[in-house]
N, C-alpha and C. Protein backbone atom coordinates (compact mmCIF):
# COMPACT_ATOMS: atom_id res chain seq x y z
N UNK A 1 21.16 6.50 13.63
CA UNK A 1 20.15 6.44 12.58
C UNK A 1 19.65 5.00 12.47
N UNK A 2 18.31 4.79 12.40
CA UNK A 2 17.79 3.44 12.33
C UNK A 2 18.13 2.77 11.01
N UNK A 3 18.17 1.44 11.08
CA UNK A 3 18.35 0.67 9.85
C UNK A 3 17.13 0.90 8.98
N UNK A 4 17.28 0.67 7.71
CA UNK A 4 16.18 0.91 6.79
C UNK A 4 15.61 -0.42 6.31
N UNK A 5 14.29 -0.61 6.46
CA UNK A 5 13.63 -1.82 5.97
C UNK A 5 13.66 -1.86 4.45
N UNK A 6 13.89 -0.74 3.86
CA UNK A 6 13.96 -0.63 2.42
C UNK A 6 15.30 0.01 2.07
N UNK A 7 16.36 -0.83 1.92
CA UNK A 7 17.68 -0.26 1.70
C UNK A 7 17.88 0.28 0.29
N UNK A 8 16.82 0.32 -0.50
CA UNK A 8 16.92 0.81 -1.86
C UNK A 8 16.23 2.15 -1.97
N UNK A 9 16.65 2.91 -2.95
CA UNK A 9 16.05 4.23 -3.13
C UNK A 9 14.61 4.11 -3.61
N UNK A 10 13.85 5.15 -3.41
CA UNK A 10 12.47 5.19 -3.89
C UNK A 10 12.44 5.08 -5.40
N UNK A 11 13.49 5.58 -6.05
CA UNK A 11 13.59 5.50 -7.51
C UNK A 11 13.61 4.05 -7.98
N UNK A 12 14.24 3.18 -7.19
CA UNK A 12 14.32 1.75 -7.54
C UNK A 12 13.06 1.03 -7.06
N UNK A 13 12.67 1.27 -5.81
CA UNK A 13 11.55 0.55 -5.22
C UNK A 13 10.21 1.00 -5.78
N UNK A 14 10.03 2.28 -6.03
CA UNK A 14 8.76 2.83 -6.49
C UNK A 14 8.17 2.11 -7.69
N UNK A 15 8.90 2.00 -8.80
CA UNK A 15 8.36 1.29 -9.97
C UNK A 15 8.05 -0.18 -9.68
N UNK A 16 8.86 -0.82 -8.85
CA UNK A 16 8.59 -2.22 -8.49
C UNK A 16 7.31 -2.32 -7.68
N UNK A 17 7.09 -1.36 -6.79
CA UNK A 17 5.86 -1.35 -5.98
C UNK A 17 4.64 -1.16 -6.88
N UNK A 18 4.72 -0.26 -7.85
CA UNK A 18 3.60 -0.02 -8.76
C UNK A 18 3.30 -1.28 -9.55
N UNK A 19 4.33 -1.91 -10.13
CA UNK A 19 4.11 -3.14 -10.90
C UNK A 19 3.49 -4.24 -10.03
N UNK A 20 4.01 -4.39 -8.82
CA UNK A 20 3.49 -5.41 -7.92
C UNK A 20 2.06 -5.10 -7.50
N UNK A 21 1.76 -3.82 -7.28
CA UNK A 21 0.40 -3.43 -6.88
C UNK A 21 -0.60 -3.71 -8.00
N UNK A 22 -0.22 -3.41 -9.22
CA UNK A 22 -1.10 -3.68 -10.35
C UNK A 22 -1.36 -5.17 -10.46
N UNK A 23 -0.31 -5.97 -10.38
CA UNK A 23 -0.46 -7.43 -10.48
C UNK A 23 -1.30 -7.99 -9.33
N UNK A 24 -1.03 -7.53 -8.11
CA UNK A 24 -1.78 -8.00 -6.96
C UNK A 24 -3.26 -7.63 -7.10
N UNK A 25 -3.53 -6.38 -7.47
CA UNK A 25 -4.91 -5.91 -7.57
C UNK A 25 -5.67 -6.67 -8.65
N UNK A 26 -5.01 -6.91 -9.77
CA UNK A 26 -5.64 -7.67 -10.86
C UNK A 26 -6.00 -9.08 -10.39
N UNK A 27 -5.09 -9.72 -9.67
CA UNK A 27 -5.34 -11.07 -9.16
C UNK A 27 -6.40 -11.04 -8.07
N UNK A 28 -6.31 -10.09 -7.15
CA UNK A 28 -7.21 -9.99 -6.01
C UNK A 28 -8.65 -9.74 -6.45
N UNK A 29 -8.83 -8.92 -7.48
CA UNK A 29 -10.18 -8.57 -7.95
C UNK A 29 -10.58 -9.38 -9.18
N UNK A 30 -9.86 -10.43 -9.45
CA UNK A 30 -10.13 -11.30 -10.60
C UNK A 30 -10.25 -10.49 -11.89
N UNK A 31 -9.21 -9.71 -12.12
CA UNK A 31 -9.15 -8.89 -13.34
C UNK A 31 -10.11 -7.72 -13.34
N UNK A 32 -10.54 -7.31 -12.16
CA UNK A 32 -11.46 -6.19 -12.05
C UNK A 32 -12.92 -6.60 -12.06
N UNK A 33 -13.20 -7.90 -12.19
CA UNK A 33 -14.61 -8.34 -12.25
C UNK A 33 -15.25 -8.44 -10.86
N UNK A 34 -14.43 -8.48 -9.81
CA UNK A 34 -14.93 -8.52 -8.44
C UNK A 34 -14.58 -7.20 -7.76
N UNK A 35 -15.58 -6.50 -7.22
CA UNK A 35 -15.28 -5.25 -6.53
C UNK A 35 -14.31 -5.49 -5.37
N UNK A 36 -13.45 -4.53 -5.12
CA UNK A 36 -12.44 -4.69 -4.08
C UNK A 36 -13.07 -4.95 -2.71
N UNK A 37 -14.22 -4.35 -2.43
CA UNK A 37 -14.89 -4.57 -1.15
C UNK A 37 -15.32 -6.04 -1.01
N UNK A 38 -15.85 -6.61 -2.08
CA UNK A 38 -16.28 -8.01 -2.06
C UNK A 38 -15.07 -8.92 -1.91
N UNK A 39 -13.99 -8.63 -2.64
CA UNK A 39 -12.78 -9.44 -2.54
C UNK A 39 -12.21 -9.41 -1.13
N UNK A 40 -12.17 -8.24 -0.52
CA UNK A 40 -11.65 -8.12 0.85
C UNK A 40 -12.56 -8.80 1.85
N UNK A 41 -13.85 -8.74 1.64
CA UNK A 41 -14.80 -9.38 2.56
C UNK A 41 -14.74 -10.89 2.47
N UNK A 42 -14.35 -11.40 1.31
CA UNK A 42 -14.27 -12.86 1.16
C UNK A 42 -12.93 -13.43 1.63
N UNK A 43 -11.99 -12.57 2.00
CA UNK A 43 -10.70 -13.03 2.52
C UNK A 43 -10.94 -13.67 3.90
N UNK A 44 -10.28 -14.79 4.20
CA UNK A 44 -10.50 -15.47 5.49
C UNK A 44 -9.77 -14.78 6.64
N UNK A 45 -10.26 -13.65 7.08
CA UNK A 45 -9.61 -12.86 8.12
C UNK A 45 -9.58 -13.63 9.43
N UNK A 46 -8.44 -13.56 10.12
CA UNK A 46 -8.30 -14.16 11.44
C UNK A 46 -8.39 -13.10 12.53
N UNK A 47 -8.04 -11.88 12.20
CA UNK A 47 -8.03 -10.78 13.17
C UNK A 47 -9.02 -9.70 12.73
N UNK A 48 -9.97 -9.42 13.61
CA UNK A 48 -10.94 -8.37 13.32
C UNK A 48 -10.27 -7.01 13.19
N UNK A 49 -9.22 -6.77 13.99
CA UNK A 49 -8.51 -5.50 13.92
C UNK A 49 -7.87 -5.30 12.55
N UNK A 50 -7.19 -6.32 12.06
CA UNK A 50 -6.54 -6.20 10.75
C UNK A 50 -7.57 -6.07 9.64
N UNK A 51 -8.70 -6.74 9.80
CA UNK A 51 -9.77 -6.62 8.81
C UNK A 51 -10.29 -5.18 8.77
N UNK A 52 -10.49 -4.58 9.94
CA UNK A 52 -10.96 -3.18 9.98
C UNK A 52 -9.92 -2.24 9.37
N UNK A 53 -8.65 -2.48 9.65
CA UNK A 53 -7.58 -1.66 9.04
C UNK A 53 -7.61 -1.81 7.52
N UNK A 54 -7.74 -3.03 7.06
CA UNK A 54 -7.77 -3.29 5.61
C UNK A 54 -8.94 -2.58 4.96
N UNK A 55 -10.08 -2.54 5.64
CA UNK A 55 -11.25 -1.90 5.05
C UNK A 55 -11.07 -0.39 4.92
N UNK A 56 -10.17 0.19 5.69
CA UNK A 56 -9.83 1.60 5.51
C UNK A 56 -9.23 1.80 4.12
N UNK A 57 -8.34 0.88 3.74
CA UNK A 57 -7.70 0.97 2.41
C UNK A 57 -8.69 0.59 1.31
N UNK A 58 -9.60 -0.32 1.61
CA UNK A 58 -10.64 -0.68 0.64
C UNK A 58 -11.49 0.55 0.32
N UNK A 59 -11.90 1.27 1.36
CA UNK A 59 -12.70 2.49 1.14
C UNK A 59 -11.92 3.50 0.30
N UNK A 60 -10.63 3.64 0.58
CA UNK A 60 -9.80 4.57 -0.21
C UNK A 60 -9.73 4.14 -1.66
N UNK A 61 -9.58 2.84 -1.88
CA UNK A 61 -9.48 2.33 -3.25
C UNK A 61 -10.81 2.47 -3.99
N UNK A 62 -11.91 2.41 -3.27
CA UNK A 62 -13.21 2.63 -3.91
C UNK A 62 -13.37 4.09 -4.35
N UNK A 63 -12.83 5.00 -3.55
CA UNK A 63 -12.91 6.41 -3.89
C UNK A 63 -11.88 6.82 -4.94
N UNK A 64 -10.84 6.02 -5.06
CA UNK A 64 -9.72 6.31 -5.96
C UNK A 64 -9.48 5.07 -6.83
N UNK A 65 -10.44 4.75 -7.73
CA UNK A 65 -10.37 3.48 -8.47
C UNK A 65 -9.19 3.38 -9.43
N UNK A 66 -8.80 2.17 -9.67
CA UNK A 66 -7.65 1.88 -10.53
C UNK A 66 -7.80 2.51 -11.91
N UNK A 67 -8.98 2.40 -12.50
CA UNK A 67 -9.18 2.92 -13.85
C UNK A 67 -8.86 4.41 -13.92
N UNK A 68 -9.30 5.14 -12.90
CA UNK A 68 -9.09 6.59 -12.90
C UNK A 68 -7.63 6.95 -12.68
N UNK A 69 -6.99 6.28 -11.74
CA UNK A 69 -5.63 6.69 -11.43
C UNK A 69 -4.61 6.19 -12.44
N UNK A 70 -4.88 5.08 -13.12
CA UNK A 70 -3.91 4.60 -14.10
C UNK A 70 -3.86 5.49 -15.34
N UNK A 71 -4.84 6.38 -15.47
CA UNK A 71 -4.82 7.36 -16.57
C UNK A 71 -3.77 8.43 -16.35
N UNK A 72 -3.37 8.62 -15.09
CA UNK A 72 -2.44 9.69 -14.74
C UNK A 72 -1.23 9.09 -14.01
N UNK A 73 -0.10 8.90 -14.69
CA UNK A 73 1.07 8.28 -14.05
C UNK A 73 1.56 9.00 -12.79
N UNK A 74 1.23 10.27 -12.63
CA UNK A 74 1.68 11.00 -11.45
C UNK A 74 1.04 10.46 -10.17
N UNK A 75 -0.13 9.83 -10.28
CA UNK A 75 -0.81 9.32 -9.08
C UNK A 75 -0.62 7.82 -8.87
N UNK A 76 0.10 7.15 -9.76
CA UNK A 76 0.34 5.72 -9.60
C UNK A 76 0.94 5.37 -8.24
N UNK A 77 1.94 6.12 -7.77
CA UNK A 77 2.53 5.76 -6.47
C UNK A 77 1.54 5.84 -5.31
N UNK A 78 0.60 6.78 -5.38
CA UNK A 78 -0.40 6.92 -4.31
C UNK A 78 -1.33 5.70 -4.33
N UNK A 79 -1.82 5.35 -5.50
CA UNK A 79 -2.70 4.19 -5.64
C UNK A 79 -1.96 2.92 -5.23
N UNK A 80 -0.72 2.78 -5.69
CA UNK A 80 0.07 1.59 -5.35
C UNK A 80 0.30 1.49 -3.84
N UNK A 81 0.47 2.61 -3.19
CA UNK A 81 0.65 2.61 -1.74
C UNK A 81 -0.60 2.10 -1.02
N UNK A 82 -1.78 2.51 -1.49
CA UNK A 82 -3.02 2.03 -0.89
C UNK A 82 -3.17 0.52 -1.09
N UNK A 83 -2.86 0.04 -2.29
CA UNK A 83 -2.94 -1.39 -2.56
C UNK A 83 -1.91 -2.13 -1.70
N UNK A 84 -0.71 -1.57 -1.58
CA UNK A 84 0.34 -2.19 -0.80
C UNK A 84 -0.06 -2.29 0.67
N UNK A 85 -0.69 -1.26 1.19
CA UNK A 85 -1.14 -1.30 2.58
C UNK A 85 -2.24 -2.33 2.79
N UNK A 86 -3.13 -2.48 1.82
CA UNK A 86 -4.15 -3.53 1.88
C UNK A 86 -3.47 -4.91 1.88
N UNK A 87 -2.54 -5.11 0.96
CA UNK A 87 -1.82 -6.40 0.90
C UNK A 87 -1.04 -6.64 2.18
N UNK A 88 -0.49 -5.60 2.76
CA UNK A 88 0.27 -5.72 4.01
C UNK A 88 -0.63 -6.21 5.14
N UNK A 89 -1.82 -5.64 5.26
CA UNK A 89 -2.76 -6.09 6.31
C UNK A 89 -3.14 -7.55 6.10
N UNK A 90 -3.35 -7.93 4.85
CA UNK A 90 -3.73 -9.31 4.55
C UNK A 90 -2.60 -10.27 4.91
N UNK A 91 -1.36 -9.91 4.52
CA UNK A 91 -0.23 -10.78 4.79
C UNK A 91 0.07 -10.85 6.28
N UNK A 92 -0.07 -9.73 6.98
CA UNK A 92 0.11 -9.75 8.44
C UNK A 92 -0.88 -10.69 9.10
N UNK A 93 -2.08 -10.76 8.54
CA UNK A 93 -3.14 -11.59 9.11
C UNK A 93 -2.87 -13.08 8.96
N UNK A 94 -2.19 -13.47 7.89
CA UNK A 94 -2.00 -14.91 7.64
C UNK A 94 -0.57 -15.40 7.82
N UNK A 95 0.39 -14.50 7.97
CA UNK A 95 1.79 -14.92 8.07
C UNK A 95 2.43 -14.43 9.37
N UNK A 96 2.61 -15.33 10.33
CA UNK A 96 3.29 -14.94 11.57
C UNK A 96 4.71 -14.43 11.32
N UNK A 97 5.39 -14.99 10.31
CA UNK A 97 6.75 -14.55 10.00
C UNK A 97 6.75 -13.10 9.53
N UNK A 98 5.82 -12.74 8.67
CA UNK A 98 5.72 -11.36 8.20
C UNK A 98 5.31 -10.44 9.34
N UNK A 99 4.37 -10.87 10.15
CA UNK A 99 3.93 -10.08 11.30
C UNK A 99 5.11 -9.78 12.21
N UNK A 100 5.95 -10.78 12.47
CA UNK A 100 7.12 -10.59 13.34
C UNK A 100 8.13 -9.63 12.70
N UNK A 101 8.36 -9.76 11.40
CA UNK A 101 9.29 -8.85 10.71
C UNK A 101 8.76 -7.41 10.76
N UNK A 102 7.45 -7.25 10.61
CA UNK A 102 6.84 -5.90 10.70
C UNK A 102 7.02 -5.34 12.10
N UNK A 103 6.81 -6.17 13.10
CA UNK A 103 6.98 -5.73 14.49
C UNK A 103 8.43 -5.29 14.74
N UNK A 104 9.38 -6.07 14.25
CA UNK A 104 10.79 -5.72 14.44
C UNK A 104 11.15 -4.43 13.72
N UNK A 105 10.60 -4.22 12.54
CA UNK A 105 10.86 -2.98 11.79
C UNK A 105 10.33 -1.78 12.56
N UNK A 106 9.14 -1.92 13.11
CA UNK A 106 8.54 -0.83 13.88
C UNK A 106 9.33 -0.58 15.15
N UNK A 107 9.71 -1.64 15.85
CA UNK A 107 10.49 -1.51 17.08
C UNK A 107 11.83 -0.85 16.83
N UNK A 108 12.41 -1.10 15.66
CA UNK A 108 13.70 -0.51 15.31
C UNK A 108 13.56 0.95 14.87
N UNK A 109 12.32 1.40 14.74
CA UNK A 109 12.10 2.78 14.33
C UNK A 109 12.18 2.98 12.83
N UNK A 110 12.08 1.90 12.08
CA UNK A 110 12.21 1.98 10.63
C UNK A 110 10.88 2.16 9.91
N UNK A 111 9.81 2.23 10.67
CA UNK A 111 8.52 2.37 10.02
C UNK A 111 8.00 1.05 9.51
N UNK A 112 6.95 1.10 8.71
CA UNK A 112 6.33 -0.16 8.29
C UNK A 112 7.15 -0.91 7.24
N UNK A 113 7.12 -2.22 7.36
CA UNK A 113 7.63 -3.10 6.32
C UNK A 113 6.42 -3.45 5.47
N UNK A 114 6.44 -3.15 4.20
CA UNK A 114 5.30 -3.37 3.33
C UNK A 114 5.42 -4.69 2.58
N UNK A 115 4.28 -5.27 2.24
CA UNK A 115 4.24 -6.60 1.65
C UNK A 115 4.68 -6.67 0.20
N UNK A 116 4.36 -5.65 -0.57
CA UNK A 116 4.64 -5.71 -2.01
C UNK A 116 5.99 -5.11 -2.35
N UNK A 117 6.69 -5.70 -3.28
CA UNK A 117 6.45 -6.96 -3.95
C UNK A 117 6.57 -8.14 -2.98
N UNK A 118 5.79 -9.19 -3.26
CA UNK A 118 5.82 -10.37 -2.41
C UNK A 118 7.13 -11.14 -2.54
N UNK A 119 7.68 -11.17 -3.76
CA UNK A 119 8.86 -11.99 -3.99
C UNK A 119 9.81 -11.30 -4.97
N UNK A 120 10.89 -11.98 -5.26
CA UNK A 120 11.88 -11.44 -6.19
C UNK A 120 12.97 -10.66 -5.48
N UNK A 121 13.75 -9.95 -6.25
CA UNK A 121 14.90 -9.24 -5.69
C UNK A 121 14.48 -8.11 -4.75
N UNK A 122 13.25 -7.62 -4.88
CA UNK A 122 12.75 -6.58 -3.98
C UNK A 122 11.62 -7.10 -3.09
N UNK A 123 11.50 -8.42 -3.00
CA UNK A 123 10.45 -9.02 -2.18
C UNK A 123 10.61 -8.71 -0.71
N UNK A 124 9.51 -8.82 0.03
CA UNK A 124 9.52 -8.44 1.44
C UNK A 124 10.51 -9.26 2.25
N UNK A 125 10.67 -10.56 1.95
CA UNK A 125 11.61 -11.40 2.71
C UNK A 125 13.05 -10.90 2.53
N UNK A 126 13.40 -10.58 1.31
CA UNK A 126 14.76 -10.10 1.04
C UNK A 126 14.99 -8.76 1.73
N UNK A 127 14.03 -7.85 1.62
CA UNK A 127 14.17 -6.55 2.28
C UNK A 127 14.26 -6.71 3.80
N UNK A 128 13.45 -7.62 4.35
CA UNK A 128 13.48 -7.85 5.80
C UNK A 128 14.80 -8.47 6.23
N UNK A 129 15.32 -9.41 5.44
CA UNK A 129 16.63 -10.02 5.77
C UNK A 129 17.75 -8.99 5.71
N UNK A 130 17.76 -8.16 4.66
CA UNK A 130 18.80 -7.15 4.51
C UNK A 130 18.79 -6.16 5.67
N UNK A 131 17.60 -5.89 6.20
CA UNK A 131 17.48 -4.95 7.30
C UNK A 131 17.66 -5.62 8.67
N UNK A 132 17.78 -6.93 8.68
CA UNK A 132 17.99 -7.65 9.94
C UNK A 132 16.72 -7.95 10.71
N UNK A 133 15.58 -8.00 10.02
CA UNK A 133 14.31 -8.27 10.71
C UNK A 133 13.89 -9.72 10.65
N UNK A 134 14.61 -10.53 9.91
CA UNK A 134 14.34 -11.98 9.84
C UNK A 134 15.57 -12.74 10.27
């Protein structure tokens, strides 16, 4: 059985992912005053491939806006996952260390290592270290 990039249960990680996604999205869109498409377009992308991948999540977030999904707690994890995947593409684009940890997670068969939360006890560095990817 492959090692797990997320050695914690979804019950523990899920709420942390939602909190981190809300905080990231608020910061990324300047409190909602900047549309997510504009915010993503103004990011200094280094890789056209990662930018195109990120825009897939941008389109999803435009169709599934934060205001609508935060009204229904049952869909928070879905929205948070889209935000997390957008943040993951952005972090992969600017952090060789994160890109390498993601590559190792995929090579180990553990699936994607996601960026959010960025730091803290459930931060990506800690999860990657615990799984042996750093």
